[in-house]
């Protein structure tokens, strides 16, 4: 079964589902995501679209990277 990313889920939920996600997000410019406690605090209410907007990162770029890595995007 393909891995599916629901971009409306919180980053916290996505990282619990797929433990590799913090590293992927860090490589895309979300440097703070790997700081201790960041996922369990800000990650509880932050979604990929909100995080992309806050960091000034193109959401399409994020989606394309996940697709390239074998994920399906659910919106």
C-alpha atoms as a PDB file:
ATOM      1  CA  UNK A   1       0.000   0.000   0.000  1.00  0.00           C
ATOM      2  CA  UNK A   2       1.430   3.416  -0.916  1.00  0.00           C
ATOM      3  CA  UNK A   3       2.301   5.829   1.845  1.00  0.00           C
ATOM      4  CA  UNK A   4      -0.248   8.617   1.907  1.00  0.00           C
ATOM      5  CA  UNK A   5       0.278  12.145   3.205  1.00  0.00           C
ATOM      6  CA  UNK A   6      -2.852  14.052   4.177  1.00  0.00           C
ATOM      7  CA  UNK A   7      -1.608  17.643   4.035  1.00  0.00           C
ATOM      8  CA  UNK A   8      -4.436  18.773   6.316  1.00  0.00           C
ATOM      9  CA  UNK A   9      -3.209  16.591   9.203  1.00  0.00           C
ATOM     10  CA  UNK A  10      -0.951  18.193  11.774  1.00  0.00           C
ATOM     11  CA  UNK A  11       2.798  17.799  11.403  1.00  0.00           C
ATOM     12  CA  UNK A  12       2.667  15.968  14.753  1.00  0.00           C
ATOM     13  CA  UNK A  13       0.259  13.365  13.319  1.00  0.00           C
ATOM     14  CA  UNK A  14       2.280  12.967  10.112  1.00  0.00           C
ATOM     15  CA  UNK A  15       5.533  12.491  12.031  1.00  0.00           C
ATOM     16  CA  UNK A  16       3.917   9.855  14.257  1.00  0.00           C
ATOM     17  CA  UNK A  17       2.681   8.045  11.159  1.00  0.00           C
ATOM     18  CA  UNK A  18       5.984   8.342   9.272  1.00  0.00           C
ATOM     19  CA  UNK A  19       9.068   8.819  11.505  1.00  0.00           C
ATOM     20  CA  UNK A  20      11.186   9.855   8.489  1.00  0.00           C
ATOM     21  CA  UNK A  21       9.139  13.016   7.855  1.00  0.00           C
ATOM     22  CA  UNK A  22      11.097  15.383  10.154  1.00  0.00           C
ATOM     23  CA  UNK A  23      14.270  14.732   8.147  1.00  0.00           C
ATOM     24  CA  UNK A  24      12.434  15.277   4.853  1.00  0.00           C
ATOM     25  CA  UNK A  25      10.942  18.540   6.119  1.00  0.00           C
ATOM     26  CA  UNK A  26      14.299  19.674   7.472  1.00  0.00           C
ATOM     27  CA  UNK A  27      15.872  19.134   4.044  1.00  0.00           C
ATOM     28  CA  UNK A  28      13.094  21.276   2.513  1.00  0.00           C
ATOM     29  CA  UNK A  29      13.870  24.239   4.760  1.00  0.00           C
ATOM     30  CA  UNK A  30      11.964  23.500   7.975  1.00  0.00           C
ATOM     31  CA  UNK A  31      15.181  23.598  10.013  1.00  0.00           C
ATOM     32  CA  UNK A  32      13.432  24.048  13.383  1.00  0.00           C
ATOM     33  CA  UNK A  33      11.480  20.803  13.004  1.00  0.00           C
ATOM     34  CA  UNK A  34      14.398  18.741  14.324  1.00  0.00           C
ATOM     35  CA  UNK A  35      14.737  20.805  17.528  1.00  0.00           C
ATOM     36  CA  UNK A  36      13.735  18.831  20.632  1.00  0.00           C
ATOM     37  CA  UNK A  37      10.063  19.318  21.488  1.00  0.00           C
ATOM     38  CA  UNK A  38       9.200  21.227  18.306  1.00  0.00           C
ATOM     39  CA  UNK A  39       6.999  18.472  16.844  1.00  0.00           C
ATOM     40  CA  UNK A  40       5.156  17.883  20.117  1.00  0.00           C
ATOM     41  CA  UNK A  41       4.466  21.602  20.627  1.00  0.00           C
ATOM     42  CA  UNK A  42       4.116  23.666  17.433  1.00  0.00           C
ATOM     43  CA  UNK A  43       3.644  20.498  15.381  1.00  0.00           C
ATOM     44  CA  UNK A  44       0.347  19.754  17.106  1.00  0.00           C
ATOM     45  CA  UNK A  45      -1.425  22.661  15.387  1.00  0.00           C
ATOM     46  CA  UNK A  46       0.821  23.255  12.358  1.00  0.00           C
ATOM     47  CA  UNK A  47      -0.090  21.695   9.011  1.00  0.00           C
ATOM     48  CA  UNK A  48       2.094  21.529   5.903  1.00  0.00           C
ATOM     49  CA  UNK A  49       0.217  24.392   4.167  1.00  0.00           C
ATOM     50  CA  UNK A  50       0.442  26.598   7.301  1.00  0.00           C
ATOM     51  CA  UNK A  51       4.118  25.751   7.817  1.00  0.00           C
ATOM     52  CA  UNK A  52       4.943  26.387   4.173  1.00  0.00           C
ATOM     53  CA  UNK A  53       3.273  29.794   4.341  1.00  0.00           C
ATOM     54  CA  UNK A  54       5.019  30.693   7.615  1.00  0.00           C
ATOM     55  CA  UNK A  55       8.432  29.689   6.275  1.00  0.00           C
ATOM     56  CA  UNK A  56       7.914  31.113   2.787  1.00  0.00           C
ATOM     57  CA  UNK A  57       8.382  27.687   1.175  1.00  0.00           C
ATOM     58  CA  UNK A  58       6.386  26.803  -1.937  1.00  0.00           C
ATOM     59  CA  UNK A  59       3.785  24.159  -1.005  1.00  0.00           C
ATOM     60  CA  UNK A  60       4.055  22.692  -4.520  1.00  0.00           C
ATOM     61  CA  UNK A  61       7.781  22.100  -3.928  1.00  0.00           C
ATOM     62  CA  UNK A  62       6.967  20.222  -0.714  1.00  0.00           C
ATOM     63  CA  UNK A  63       4.305  18.110  -2.440  1.00  0.00           C
ATOM     64  CA  UNK A  64       6.643  17.302  -5.350  1.00  0.00           C
ATOM     65  CA  UNK A  65       9.377  16.149  -2.974  1.00  0.00           C
ATOM     66  CA  UNK A  66       6.997  13.798  -1.152  1.00  0.00           C
ATOM     67  CA  UNK A  67       5.750  12.435  -4.497  1.00  0.00           C
ATOM     68  CA  UNK A  68       9.353  11.951  -5.621  1.00  0.00           C
ATOM     69  CA  UNK A  69       9.979   9.960  -2.431  1.00  0.00           C
ATOM     70  CA  UNK A  70       7.023   7.664  -3.147  1.00  0.00           C
ATOM     71  CA  UNK A  71       4.219   9.256  -1.153  1.00  0.00           C
ATOM     72  CA  UNK A  72       0.716   9.986  -2.385  1.00  0.00           C
ATOM     73  CA  UNK A  73      -0.667  13.396  -1.525  1.00  0.00           C
ATOM     74  CA  UNK A  74      -4.193  13.655  -0.143  1.00  0.00           C
ATOM     75  CA  UNK A  75      -5.723  17.127   0.011  1.00  0.00           C
END
